PDB file of N, CA and C in Angstrom:
ATOM      1  N   UNK A   1      26.398-184.179  14.488  1.00  0.00           N
ATOM      2  CA  UNK A   1      25.810-184.346  13.136  1.00  0.00           C
ATOM      3  C   UNK A   1      24.525-183.407  12.984  1.00  0.00           C
ATOM      4  N   UNK A   2      24.446-182.572  12.054  1.00  0.00           N
ATOM      5  CA  UNK A   2      23.209-181.768  11.904  1.00  0.00           C
ATOM      6  C   UNK A   2      22.053-182.642  11.621  1.00  0.00           C
ATOM      7  N   UNK A   3      20.931-182.302  12.177  1.00  0.00           N
ATOM      8  CA  UNK A   3      19.763-182.991  11.819  1.00  0.00           C
ATOM      9  C   UNK A   3      18.501-182.133  11.688  1.00  0.00           C
ATOM     10  N   UNK A   4      17.439-182.626  11.164  1.00  0.00           N
ATOM     11  CA  UNK A   4      16.209-181.986  10.900  1.00  0.00           C
ATOM     12  C   UNK A   4      15.109-182.749  11.652  1.00  0.00           C
ATOM     13  N   UNK A   5      14.244-182.098  12.624  1.00  0.00           N
ATOM     14  CA  UNK A   5      13.183-182.702  13.158  1.00  0.00           C
ATOM     15  C   UNK A   5      12.132-182.924  12.202  1.00  0.00           C
ATOM     16  N   UNK A   6      11.654-184.009  11.867  1.00  0.00           N
ATOM     17  CA  UNK A   6      10.830-184.261  10.718  1.00  0.00           C
ATOM     18  C   UNK A   6       9.494-184.957  11.187  1.00  0.00           C
ATOM     19  N   UNK A   7       8.359-184.516  10.674  1.00  0.00           N
ATOM     20  CA  UNK A   7       7.131-185.210  11.009  1.00  0.00           C
ATOM     21  C   UNK A   7       6.739-185.964   9.763  1.00  0.00           C
ATOM     22  N   UNK A   8       6.555-187.250  10.051  1.00  0.00           N
ATOM     23  CA  UNK A   8       5.910-188.266   9.117  1.00  0.00           C
ATOM     24  C   UNK A   8       4.542-188.394   9.573  1.00  0.00           C
ATOM     25  N   UNK A   9       3.627-187.673   8.965  1.00  0.00           N
ATOM     26  CA  UNK A   9       2.229-187.745   9.352  1.00  0.00           C
ATOM     27  C   UNK A   9       1.351-188.648   8.616  1.00  0.00           C
ATOM     28  N   UNK A  10       1.549-188.756   7.437  1.00  0.00           N
ATOM     29  CA  UNK A  10       0.506-189.407   6.534  1.00  0.00           C
ATOM     30  C   UNK A  10       1.117-190.364   5.599  1.00  0.00           C
ATOM     31  N   UNK A  11       1.697-191.357   6.160  1.00  0.00           N
ATOM     32  CA  UNK A  11       2.369-192.443   5.362  1.00  0.00           C
ATOM     33  C   UNK A  11       1.356-193.348   4.656  1.00  0.00           C
ATOM     34  N   UNK A  12       1.381-193.324   3.355  1.00  0.00           N
ATOM     35  CA  UNK A  12       0.552-194.278   2.604  1.00  0.00           C
ATOM     36  C   UNK A  12      -0.741-193.604   2.006  1.00  0.00           C
ATOM     37  N   UNK A  13      -0.878-192.282   2.295  1.00  0.00           N
ATOM     38  CA  UNK A  13      -1.996-191.599   1.675  1.00  0.00           C
ATOM     39  C   UNK A  13      -3.274-191.881   2.314  1.00  0.00           C
ATOM     40  N   UNK A  14      -3.231-192.146   3.601  1.00  0.00           N
ATOM     41  CA  UNK A  14      -4.483-192.358   4.407  1.00  0.00           C
ATOM     42  C   UNK A  14      -5.261-191.103   4.593  1.00  0.00           C
ATOM     43  N   UNK A  15      -6.508-191.056   4.732  1.00  0.00           N
ATOM     44  CA  UNK A  15      -7.296-189.893   4.712  1.00  0.00           C
ATOM     45  C   UNK A  15      -8.282-189.615   5.992  1.00  0.00           C
ATOM     46  N   UNK A  16      -7.997-190.503   7.035  1.00  0.00           N
ATOM     47  CA  UNK A  16      -8.804-190.194   8.194  1.00  0.00           C
ATOM     48  C   UNK A  16      -8.226-189.174   9.080  1.00  0.00           C
ATOM     49  N   UNK A  17      -9.130-188.511   9.926  1.00  0.00           N
ATOM     50  CA  UNK A  17      -8.661-187.485  10.821  1.00  0.00           C
ATOM     51  C   UNK A  17      -7.771-188.152  11.950  1.00  0.00           C
ATOM     52  N   UNK A  18      -6.628-187.554  11.894  1.00  0.00           N
ATOM     53  CA  UNK A  18      -5.650-188.005  13.101  1.00  0.00           C
ATOM     54  C   UNK A  18      -4.421-187.033  13.090  1.00  0.00           C
ATOM     55  N   UNK A  19      -3.673-187.041  14.150  1.00  0.00           N
ATOM     56  CA  UNK A  19      -2.578-186.352  14.384  1.00  0.00           C
ATOM     57  C   UNK A  19      -2.398-186.172  15.845  1.00  0.00           C
ATOM     58  N   UNK A  20      -1.146-185.643  16.172  1.00  0.00           N
ATOM     59  CA  UNK A  20      -0.913-185.489  17.614  1.00  0.00           C
ATOM     60  C   UNK A  20      -0.367-184.068  17.817  1.00  0.00           C
ATOM     61  N   UNK A  21      -1.262-183.057  17.995  1.00  0.00           N
ATOM     62  CA  UNK A  21      -0.791-181.703  18.148  1.00  0.00           C
ATOM     63  C   UNK A  21       0.049-181.576  19.331  1.00  0.00           C
ATOM     64  N   UNK A  22      -0.119-182.286  20.390  1.00  0.00           N
ATOM     65  CA  UNK A  22       0.784-182.157  21.497  1.00  0.00           C
ATOM     66  C   UNK A  22       2.251-182.681  21.196  1.00  0.00           C
ATOM     67  N   UNK A  23       2.342-183.678  20.540  1.00  0.00           N
ATOM     68  CA  UNK A  23       3.643-184.184  20.088  1.00  0.00           C
ATOM     69  C   UNK A  23       4.313-183.241  19.096  1.00  0.00           C
ATOM     70  N   UNK A  24       3.537-182.676  18.152  1.00  0.00           N
ATOM     71  CA  UNK A  24       4.019-181.704  17.254  1.00  0.00           C
ATOM     72  C   UNK A  24       4.503-180.393  17.955  1.00  0.00           C
ATOM     73  N   UNK A  25       3.718-180.011  19.041  1.00  0.00           N
ATOM     74  CA  UNK A  25       4.053-178.840  19.835  1.00  0.00           C
ATOM     75  C   UNK A  25       5.411-179.004  20.597  1.00  0.00           C
ATOM     76  N   UNK A  26       5.561-180.189  21.180  1.00  0.00           N
ATOM     77  CA  UNK A  26       6.684-180.399  22.068  1.00  0.00           C
ATOM     78  C   UNK A  26       7.964-180.975  21.459  1.00  0.00           C
ATOM     79  N   UNK A  27       7.768-181.753  20.343  1.00  0.00           N
ATOM     80  CA  UNK A  27       8.905-182.412  19.608  1.00  0.00           C
ATOM     81  C   UNK A  27       9.901-181.496  19.159  1.00  0.00           C
ATOM     82  N   UNK A  28       9.649-180.585  18.355  1.00  0.00           N
ATOM     83  CA  UNK A  28      10.714-179.672  17.827  1.00  0.00           C
ATOM     84  C   UNK A  28      11.524-178.958  19.013  1.00  0.00           C
ATOM     85  N   UNK A  29      10.795-178.597  19.934  1.00  0.00           N
ATOM     86  CA  UNK A  29      11.470-177.909  21.133  1.00  0.00           C
ATOM     87  C   UNK A  29      12.459-178.882  21.878  1.00  0.00           C
ATOM     88  N   UNK A  30      11.959-180.127  22.049  1.00  0.00           N
ATOM     89  CA  UNK A  30      12.906-181.164  22.637  1.00  0.00           C
ATOM     90  C   UNK A  30      14.082-181.252  21.711  1.00  0.00           C
ATOM     91  N   UNK A  31      13.907-181.312  20.370  1.00  0.00           N
ATOM     92  CA  UNK A  31      15.053-181.414  19.458  1.00  0.00           C
ATOM     93  C   UNK A  31      16.039-180.346  19.573  1.00  0.00           C
ATOM     94  N   UNK A  32      15.505-179.124  19.673  1.00  0.00           N
ATOM     95  CA  UNK A  32      16.309-177.879  19.807  1.00  0.00           C
ATOM     96  C   UNK A  32      17.080-178.078  21.106  1.00  0.00           C
ATOM     97  N   UNK A  33      16.650-178.589  22.214  1.00  0.00           N
ATOM     98  CA  UNK A  33      17.196-178.514  23.497  1.00  0.00           C
ATOM     99  C   UNK A  33      17.591-179.726  24.171  1.00  0.00           C
ATOM    100  N   UNK A  34      17.633-180.921  23.507  1.00  0.00           N
ATOM    101  CA  UNK A  34      17.879-182.223  24.116  1.00  0.00           C
ATOM    102  C   UNK A  34      19.314-182.214  24.662  1.00  0.00           C
ATOM    103  N   UNK A  35      20.179-181.434  24.159  1.00  0.00           N
ATOM    104  CA  UNK A  35      21.507-181.332  24.796  1.00  0.00           C
ATOM    105  C   UNK A  35      21.958-179.910  24.616  1.00  0.00           C
ATOM    106  N   UNK A  36      22.962-179.477  25.471  1.00  0.00           N
ATOM    107  CA  UNK A  36      23.437-178.130  25.315  1.00  0.00           C
ATOM    108  C   UNK A  36      24.057-177.776  23.912  1.00  0.00           C
ATOM    109  N   UNK A  37      24.445-178.961  23.324  1.00  0.00           N
ATOM    110  CA  UNK A  37      25.054-178.738  21.887  1.00  0.00           C
ATOM    111  C   UNK A  37      24.238-179.364  20.748  1.00  0.00           C
ATOM    112  N   UNK A  38      22.874-179.148  20.855  1.00  0.00           N
ATOM    113  CA  UNK A  38      22.024-179.672  19.863  1.00  0.00           C
ATOM    114  C   UNK A  38      22.408-179.095  18.495  1.00  0.00           C
ATOM    115  N   UNK A  39      22.380-180.127  17.565  1.00  0.00           N
ATOM    116  CA  UNK A  39      22.723-179.645  16.232  1.00  0.00           C
ATOM    117  C   UNK A  39      21.489-179.661  15.235  1.00  0.00           C
ATOM    118  N   UNK A  40      20.354-179.472  15.813  1.00  0.00           N
ATOM    119  CA  UNK A  40      19.125-179.431  15.040  1.00  0.00           C
ATOM    120  C   UNK A  40      19.176-178.101  14.143  1.00  0.00           C
ATOM    121  N   UNK A  41      18.986-178.300  12.865  1.00  0.00           N
ATOM    122  CA  UNK A  41      19.133-177.124  11.904  1.00  0.00           C
ATOM    123  C   UNK A  41      17.732-176.785  11.330  1.00  0.00           C
ATOM    124  N   UNK A  42      16.776-177.552  11.605  1.00  0.00           N
ATOM    125  CA  UNK A  42      15.392-177.040  11.021  1.00  0.00           C
ATOM    126  C   UNK A  42      14.285-178.152  11.237  1.00  0.00           C
ATOM    127  N   UNK A  43      13.148-177.784  10.698  1.00  0.00           N
ATOM    128  CA  UNK A  43      11.979-178.657  10.791  1.00  0.00           C
ATOM    129  C   UNK A  43      11.630-179.073   9.391  1.00  0.00           C
ATOM    130  N   UNK A  44      11.092-180.398   9.233  1.00  0.00           N
ATOM    131  CA  UNK A  44      10.686-180.922   7.994  1.00  0.00           C
ATOM    132  C   UNK A  44       9.320-181.646   8.015  1.00  0.00           C
ATOM    133  N   UNK A  45       8.753-181.855   6.797  1.00  0.00           N
ATOM    134  CA  UNK A  45       7.497-182.617   6.773  1.00  0.00           C
ATOM    135  C   UNK A  45       7.783-183.672   5.712  1.00  0.00           C
ATOM    136  N   UNK A  46       7.528-185.001   5.932  1.00  0.00           N
ATOM    137  CA  UNK A  46       7.431-185.924   4.900  1.00  0.00           C
ATOM    138  C   UNK A  46       5.892-186.436   4.801  1.00  0.00           C
ATOM    139  N   UNK A  47       5.306-186.197   3.763  1.00  0.00           N
ATOM    140  CA  UNK A  47       3.818-186.407   3.742  1.00  0.00           C
ATOM    141  C   UNK A  47       3.370-186.916   2.419  1.00  0.00           C
ATOM    142  N   UNK A  48       2.270-187.631   2.446  1.00  0.00           N
ATOM    143  CA  UNK A  48       1.557-188.084   1.228  1.00  0.00           C
ATOM    144  C   UNK A  48       0.108-187.808   1.478  1.00  0.00           C
ATOM    145  N   UNK A  49      -0.616-187.435   0.431  1.00  0.00           N
ATOM    146  CA  UNK A  49      -2.029-187.245   0.594  1.00  0.00           C
ATOM    147  C   UNK A  49      -2.265-186.044   1.486  1.00  0.00           C
ATOM    148  N   UNK A  50      -1.822-184.810   1.125  1.00  0.00           N
ATOM    149  CA  UNK A  50      -1.922-183.663   2.066  1.00  0.00           C
ATOM    150  C   UNK A  50      -3.318-183.008   2.080  1.00  0.00           C
ATOM    151  N   UNK A  51      -4.262-183.408   1.387  1.00  0.00           N
ATOM    152  CA  UNK A  51      -5.480-182.745   1.249  1.00  0.00           C
ATOM    153  C   UNK A  51      -6.451-183.111   2.344  1.00  0.00           C
ATOM    154  N   UNK A  52      -5.967-183.245   3.477  1.00  0.00           N
ATOM    155  CA  UNK A  52      -6.832-183.493   4.663  1.00  0.00           C
ATOM    156  C   UNK A  52      -6.068-183.119   5.837  1.00  0.00           C
ATOM    157  N   UNK A  53      -6.611-182.975   7.034  1.00  0.00           N
ATOM    158  CA  UNK A  53      -5.933-182.656   8.239  1.00  0.00           C
ATOM    159  C   UNK A  53      -5.149-181.444   8.124  1.00  0.00           C
ATOM    160  N   UNK A  54      -5.772-180.433   7.589  1.00  0.00           N
ATOM    161  CA  UNK A  54      -5.115-179.077   7.471  1.00  0.00           C
ATOM    162  C   UNK A  54      -4.578-178.556   8.759  1.00  0.00           C
ATOM    163  N   UNK A  55      -5.317-178.867   9.777  1.00  0.00           N
ATOM    164  CA  UNK A  55      -4.977-178.249  11.156  1.00  0.00           C
ATOM    165  C   UNK A  55      -3.491-178.797  11.618  1.00  0.00           C
ATOM    166  N   UNK A  56      -3.202-180.026  11.247  1.00  0.00           N
ATOM    167  CA  UNK A  56      -1.934-180.640  11.665  1.00  0.00           C
ATOM    168  C   UNK A  56      -0.807-180.017  10.821  1.00  0.00           C
ATOM    169  N   UNK A  57      -0.991-179.707   9.529  1.00  0.00           N
ATOM    170  CA  UNK A  57       0.016-179.006   8.726  1.00  0.00           C
ATOM    171  C   UNK A  57       0.271-177.692   9.083  1.00  0.00           C
ATOM    172  N   UNK A  58      -0.780-176.971   9.302  1.00  0.00           N
ATOM    173  CA  UNK A  58      -0.757-175.574   9.743  1.00  0.00           C
ATOM    174  C   UNK A  58      -0.048-175.377  11.029  1.00  0.00           C
ATOM    175  N   UNK A  59      -0.388-176.227  11.981  1.00  0.00           N
ATOM    176  CA  UNK A  59       0.227-176.257  13.323  1.00  0.00           C
ATOM    177  C   UNK A  59       1.752-176.534  13.186  1.00  0.00           C
ATOM    178  N   UNK A  60       2.149-177.577  12.415  1.00  0.00           N
ATOM    179  CA  UNK A  60       3.465-177.892  12.249  1.00  0.00           C
ATOM    180  C   UNK A  60       4.271-176.811  11.580  1.00  0.00           C
ATOM    181  N   UNK A  61       3.761-176.209  10.553  1.00  0.00           N
ATOM    182  CA  UNK A  61       4.528-175.164   9.950  1.00  0.00           C
ATOM    183  C   UNK A  61       4.799-173.832  10.774  1.00  0.00           C
ATOM    184  N   UNK A  62       3.706-173.585  11.632  1.00  0.00           N
ATOM    185  CA  UNK A  62       4.016-172.480  12.581  1.00  0.00           C
ATOM    186  C   UNK A  62       5.123-172.791  13.516  1.00  0.00           C
ATOM    187  N   UNK A  63       5.414-174.100  13.863  1.00  0.00           N
ATOM    188  CA  UNK A  63       6.426-174.399  14.782  1.00  0.00           C
ATOM    189  C   UNK A  63       7.853-173.834  14.248  1.00  0.00           C
ATOM    190  N   UNK A  64       7.985-173.626  12.977  1.00  0.00           N
ATOM    191  CA  UNK A  64       9.284-173.173  12.466  1.00  0.00           C
ATOM    192  C   UNK A  64       9.566-171.814  12.960  1.00  0.00           C
ATOM    193  N   UNK A  65       8.524-171.064  13.466  1.00  0.00           N
ATOM    194  CA  UNK A  65       8.690-169.643  13.882  1.00  0.00           C
ATOM    195  C   UNK A  65       8.579-169.495  15.355  1.00  0.00           C
ATOM    196  N   UNK A  66       8.205-170.615  16.087  1.00  0.00           N
ATOM    197  CA  UNK A  66       8.088-170.521  17.512  1.00  0.00           C
ATOM    198  C   UNK A  66       9.364-170.750  18.149  1.00  0.00           C
ATOM    199  N   UNK A  67       9.734-169.981  19.280  1.00  0.00           N
ATOM    200  CA  UNK A  67      10.804-170.316  20.057  1.00  0.00           C
ATOM    201  C   UNK A  67      10.684-171.329  21.080  1.00  0.00           C
ATOM    202  N   UNK A  68       9.427-171.671  21.391  1.00  0.00           N
ATOM    203  CA  UNK A  68       9.063-172.629  22.424  1.00  0.00           C
ATOM    204  C   UNK A  68       7.719-173.202  22.246  1.00  0.00           C
ATOM    205  N   UNK A  69       7.167-174.325  22.851  1.00  0.00           N
ATOM    206  CA  UNK A  69       5.874-174.755  22.708  1.00  0.00           C
ATOM    207  C   UNK A  69       4.835-173.763  23.044  1.00  0.00           C
ATOM    208  N   UNK A  70       3.693-173.877  22.429  1.00  0.00           N
ATOM    209  CA  UNK A  70       2.589-172.940  22.602  1.00  0.00           C
ATOM    210  C   UNK A  70       1.418-173.663  23.407  1.00  0.00           C
ATOM    211  N   UNK A  71       0.477-172.891  23.778  1.00  0.00           N
ATOM    212  CA  UNK A  71      -0.766-173.321  24.448  1.00  0.00           C
ATOM    213  C   UNK A  71      -1.682-173.876  23.298  1.00  0.00           C
ATOM    214  N   UNK A  72      -1.726-175.155  23.120  1.00  0.00           N
ATOM    215  CA  UNK A  72      -2.559-175.821  22.131  1.00  0.00           C
ATOM    216  C   UNK A  72      -3.961-175.419  22.134  1.00  0.00           C
ATOM    217  N   UNK A  73      -4.532-175.375  23.269  1.00  0.00           N
ATOM    218  CA  UNK A  73      -5.900-175.025  23.460  1.00  0.00           C
ATOM    219  C   UNK A  73      -6.229-173.706  22.891  1.00  0.00           C
ATOM    220  N   UNK A  74      -5.370-172.640  23.310  1.00  0.00           N
ATOM    221  CA  UNK A  74      -5.655-171.348  22.810  1.00  0.00           C
ATOM    222  C   UNK A  74      -5.320-171.304  21.275  1.00  0.00           C
ATOM    223  N   UNK A  75      -4.376-172.063  20.769  1.00  0.00           N
ATOM    224  CA  UNK A  75      -4.043-172.006  19.394  1.00  0.00           C
ATOM    225  C   UNK A  75      -5.264-172.658  18.542  1.00  0.00           C
ATOM    226  N   UNK A  76      -5.814-173.692  19.094  1.00  0.00           N
ATOM    227  CA  UNK A  76      -7.073-174.213  18.362  1.00  0.00           C
ATOM    228  C   UNK A  76      -8.077-173.248  18.325  1.00  0.00           C
ATOM    229  N   UNK A  77      -8.440-172.460  19.340  1.00  0.00           N
ATOM    230  CA  UNK A  77      -9.466-171.452  19.250  1.00  0.00           C
ATOM    231  C   UNK A  77      -9.172-170.384  18.222  1.00  0.00           C
ATOM    232  N   UNK A  78      -7.839-169.967  18.226  1.00  0.00           N
ATOM    233  CA  UNK A  78      -7.459-168.959  17.253  1.00  0.00           C
ATOM    234  C   UNK A  78      -7.545-169.603  15.784  1.00  0.00           C
ATOM    235  N   UNK A  79      -7.221-170.879  15.611  1.00  0.00           N
ATOM    236  CA  UNK A  79      -7.395-171.524  14.346  1.00  0.00           C
ATOM    237  C   UNK A  79      -8.748-171.511  13.867  1.00  0.00           C
ATOM    238  N   UNK A  80      -9.715-171.802  14.730  1.00  0.00           N
ATOM    239  CA  UNK A  80     -11.127-171.847  14.275  1.00  0.00           C
ATOM    240  C   UNK A  80     -11.546-170.442  13.776  1.00  0.00           C
ATOM    241  N   UNK A  81     -11.106-169.368  14.493  1.00  0.00           N
ATOM    242  CA  UNK A  81     -11.394-168.100  14.013  1.00  0.00           C
ATOM    243  C   UNK A  81     -10.829-167.744  12.627  1.00  0.00           C
ATOM    244  N   UNK A  82      -9.596-168.159  12.479  1.00  0.00           N
ATOM    245  CA  UNK A  82      -8.926-167.920  11.220  1.00  0.00           C
ATOM    246  C   UNK A  82      -9.583-168.717  10.072  1.00  0.00           C
ATOM    247  N   UNK A  83      -9.913-169.959  10.407  1.00  0.00           N
ATOM    248  CA  UNK A  83     -10.561-170.885   9.412  1.00  0.00           C
ATOM    249  C   UNK A  83     -11.880-170.496   9.031  1.00  0.00           C
ATOM    250  N   UNK A  84     -12.771-170.008   9.967  1.00  0.00           N
ATOM    251  CA  UNK A  84     -14.144-169.728   9.593  1.00  0.00           C
ATOM    252  C   UNK A  84     -14.432-168.266   9.489  1.00  0.00           C
ATOM    253  N   UNK A  85     -13.512-167.398   9.938  1.00  0.00           N
ATOM    254  CA  UNK A  85     -13.698-165.968   9.814  1.00  0.00           C
ATOM    255  C   UNK A  85     -14.447-165.276  10.846  1.00  0.00           C
ATOM    256  N   UNK A  86     -14.833-166.010  11.969  1.00  0.00           N
ATOM    257  CA  UNK A  86     -15.579-165.461  13.023  1.00  0.00           C
ATOM    258  C   UNK A  86     -15.496-166.406  14.238  1.00  0.00           C
ATOM    259  N   UNK A  87     -15.790-165.955  15.398  1.00  0.00           N
ATOM    260  CA  UNK A  87     -15.695-166.695  16.686  1.00  0.00           C
ATOM    261  C   UNK A  87     -17.099-167.333  16.909  1.00  0.00           C
ATOM    262  N   UNK A  88     -17.167-168.577  17.210  1.00  0.00           N
ATOM    263  CA  UNK A  88     -18.394-169.186  17.587  1.00  0.00           C
ATOM    264  C   UNK A  88     -18.163-170.187  18.639  1.00  0.00           C
ATOM    265  N   UNK A  89     -18.788-170.134  19.821  1.00  0.00           N
ATOM    266  CA  UNK A  89     -18.516-170.971  20.985  1.00  0.00           C
ATOM    267  C   UNK A  89     -18.852-172.467  20.665  1.00  0.00           C
ATOM    268  N   UNK A  90     -19.766-172.793  19.833  1.00  0.00           N
ATOM    269  CA  UNK A  90     -20.064-174.144  19.492  1.00  0.00           C
ATOM    270  C   UNK A  90     -18.928-174.726  18.496  1.00  0.00           C
ATOM    271  N   UNK A  91     -18.591-173.941  17.668  1.00  0.00           N
ATOM    272  CA  UNK A  91     -17.482-174.404  16.702  1.00  0.00           C
ATOM    273  C   UNK A  91     -16.214-174.590  17.595  1.00  0.00           C
ATOM    274  N   UNK A  92     -15.897-173.665  18.413  1.00  0.00           N
ATOM    275  CA  UNK A  92     -14.742-173.803  19.324  1.00  0.00           C
ATOM    276  C   UNK A  92     -14.819-175.040  20.199  1.00  0.00           C
ATOM    277  N   UNK A  93     -15.970-175.279  20.773  1.00  0.00           N
ATOM    278  CA  UNK A  93     -16.068-176.488  21.548  1.00  0.00           C
ATOM    279  C   UNK A  93     -15.991-177.711  20.751  1.00  0.00           C
ATOM    280  N   UNK A  94     -16.499-177.787  19.466  1.00  0.00           N
ATOM    281  CA  UNK A  94     -16.321-178.990  18.740  1.00  0.00           C
ATOM    282  C   UNK A  94     -14.885-179.181  18.404  1.00  0.00           C
ATOM    283  N   UNK A  95     -14.108-178.137  18.036  1.00  0.00           N
ATOM    284  CA  UNK A  95     -12.700-178.311  17.661  1.00  0.00           C
ATOM    285  C   UNK A  95     -11.929-178.673  18.976  1.00  0.00           C
ATOM    286  N   UNK A  96     -12.280-178.171  20.232  1.00  0.00           N
ATOM    287  CA  UNK A  96     -11.639-178.658  21.350  1.00  0.00           C
ATOM    288  C   UNK A  96     -11.853-180.117  21.588  1.00  0.00           C
ATOM    289  N   UNK A  97     -13.014-180.602  21.261  1.00  0.00           N
ATOM    290  CA  UNK A  97     -13.235-182.058  21.364  1.00  0.00           C
ATOM    291  C   UNK A  97     -12.375-182.864  20.409  1.00  0.00           C
ATOM    292  N   UNK A  98     -12.251-182.307  19.188  1.00  0.00           N
ATOM    293  CA  UNK A  98     -11.320-182.980  18.184  1.00  0.00           C
ATOM    294  C   UNK A  98      -9.907-182.969  18.702  1.00  0.00           C
ATOM    295  N   UNK A  99      -9.517-181.898  19.233  1.00  0.00           N
ATOM    296  CA  UNK A  99      -8.142-181.778  19.833  1.00  0.00           C
ATOM    297  C   UNK A  99      -7.749-182.793  20.859  1.00  0.00           C
ATOM    298  N   UNK A 100      -8.810-183.202  21.621  1.00  0.00           N
ATOM    299  CA  UNK A 100      -8.594-184.177  22.734  1.00  0.00           C
ATOM    300  C   UNK A 100      -8.908-185.547  22.285  1.00  0.00           C
ATOM    301  N   UNK A 101      -9.449-185.795  21.097  1.00  0.00           N
ATOM    302  CA  UNK A 101      -9.679-187.109  20.619  1.00  0.00           C
ATOM    303  C   UNK A 101      -8.796-187.500  19.469  1.00  0.00           C
ATOM    304  N   UNK A 102      -9.117-187.003  18.282  1.00  0.00           N
ATOM    305  CA  UNK A 102      -8.367-187.405  17.084  1.00  0.00           C
ATOM    306  C   UNK A 102      -7.021-186.643  16.883  1.00  0.00           C
ATOM    307  N   UNK A 103      -7.055-185.439  17.413  1.00  0.00           N
ATOM    308  CA  UNK A 103      -5.736-184.655  17.313  1.00  0.00           C
ATOM    309  C   UNK A 103      -4.969-184.468  18.674  1.00  0.00           C
TER     310      UNK A 103
END
Protein backbone atom coordinates (compact mmCIF):
# COMPACT_ATOMS: atom_id res chain seq x y z
CA UNK A 1 0.00 0.00 0.00
CA UNK A 2 1.56 3.37 -1.00
CA UNK A 3 1.98 5.82 1.87
CA UNK A 4 3.25 9.32 2.61
CA UNK A 5 5.48 10.01 5.64
CA UNK A 6 3.59 12.93 7.18
CA UNK A 7 4.53 15.36 9.92
CA UNK A 8 1.74 16.57 12.21
CA UNK A 9 3.58 19.35 13.98
CA UNK A 10 1.14 21.96 15.16
CA UNK A 11 -2.20 20.40 15.99
CA UNK A 12 -4.63 22.96 17.38
CA UNK A 13 -2.80 26.13 16.35
CA UNK A 14 -0.46 26.25 19.35
CA UNK A 15 2.30 28.80 19.02
CA UNK A 16 5.11 27.85 21.41
CA UNK A 17 8.59 26.92 20.24
CA UNK A 18 8.77 23.16 19.75
CA UNK A 19 9.68 20.46 17.29
CA UNK A 20 11.97 17.49 16.94
CA UNK A 21 14.58 18.10 14.26
CA UNK A 22 16.16 14.71 14.95
CA UNK A 23 12.86 12.87 14.37
CA UNK A 24 12.20 14.92 11.23
CA UNK A 25 15.73 14.14 10.05
CA UNK A 26 15.51 10.39 10.59
CA UNK A 27 11.80 9.60 10.10
CA UNK A 28 11.52 10.00 6.33
CA UNK A 29 14.68 7.96 5.76
CA UNK A 30 13.28 5.20 7.97
CA UNK A 31 10.06 5.30 5.94
CA UNK A 32 12.00 4.95 2.70
CA UNK A 33 14.04 2.01 3.95
CA UNK A 34 12.00 0.20 6.62
CA UNK A 35 11.79 -2.78 4.27
CA UNK A 36 13.35 -3.70 0.93
CA UNK A 37 9.94 -3.13 -0.67
CA UNK A 38 9.01 0.18 0.98
CA UNK A 39 6.06 1.79 -0.76
CA UNK A 40 6.66 5.33 0.54
CA UNK A 41 5.74 7.74 -2.24
CA UNK A 42 6.41 11.12 -0.64
CA UNK A 43 6.49 13.47 2.32
CA UNK A 44 3.65 15.55 3.69
CA UNK A 45 2.81 18.19 6.27
CA UNK A 46 -0.43 18.55 8.18
CA UNK A 47 -0.29 21.80 10.05
CA UNK A 48 -2.27 24.56 11.65
CA UNK A 49 -0.99 27.95 12.71
CA UNK A 50 2.13 27.86 10.54
CA UNK A 51 3.39 31.36 11.32
CA UNK A 52 5.88 30.19 13.96
CA UNK A 53 8.63 27.58 14.15
CA UNK A 54 9.87 28.37 10.66
CA UNK A 55 12.98 26.28 11.30
CA UNK A 56 10.86 23.12 11.65
CA UNK A 57 8.99 23.65 8.39
CA UNK A 58 12.09 24.62 6.44
CA UNK A 59 13.96 21.58 7.73
CA UNK A 60 11.05 19.27 6.90
CA UNK A 61 10.61 20.61 3.38
CA UNK A 62 14.30 20.16 2.62
CA UNK A 63 13.88 16.47 3.48
CA UNK A 64 12.00 16.00 0.22
CA UNK A 65 15.30 16.51 -1.62
CA UNK A 66 17.66 14.62 0.69
CA UNK A 67 18.59 11.02 -0.08
CA UNK A 68 19.60 10.39 3.56
CA UNK A 69 19.61 12.13 6.98
CA UNK A 70 21.81 15.19 7.34
CA UNK A 71 24.03 16.56 10.09
CA UNK A 72 21.50 18.60 12.10
CA UNK A 73 24.15 20.65 13.92
CA UNK A 74 25.73 21.77 10.64
CA UNK A 75 22.31 22.40 9.10
CA UNK A 76 21.31 24.69 12.00
CA UNK A 77 24.53 26.70 11.52
CA UNK A 78 23.76 27.09 7.82
CA UNK A 79 20.16 28.00 8.65
CA UNK A 80 21.27 30.86 10.90
CA UNK A 81 23.44 32.25 8.11
CA UNK A 82 20.53 32.06 5.64
CA UNK A 83 18.09 33.53 8.16
CA UNK A 84 20.20 36.51 9.26
CA UNK A 85 22.40 37.01 6.19
CA UNK A 86 25.71 36.66 8.04
CA UNK A 87 27.61 34.35 10.36
CA UNK A 88 27.81 35.19 14.05
CA UNK A 89 29.18 32.80 16.70
CA UNK A 90 26.78 34.08 19.39
CA UNK A 91 23.72 33.60 17.19
CA UNK A 92 24.94 30.16 16.14
CA UNK A 93 25.52 29.17 19.78
CA UNK A 94 22.01 30.35 20.72
CA UNK A 95 20.43 28.30 17.91
CA UNK A 96 22.50 25.26 18.89
CA UNK A 97 21.05 25.59 22.40
CA UNK A 98 17.54 25.79 20.91
CA UNK A 99 18.31 22.67 18.84
CA UNK A 100 19.16 20.68 21.97
CA UNK A 101 16.25 22.00 24.03
CA UNK A 102 13.03 22.97 22.23
CA UNK A 103 13.96 21.61 18.79
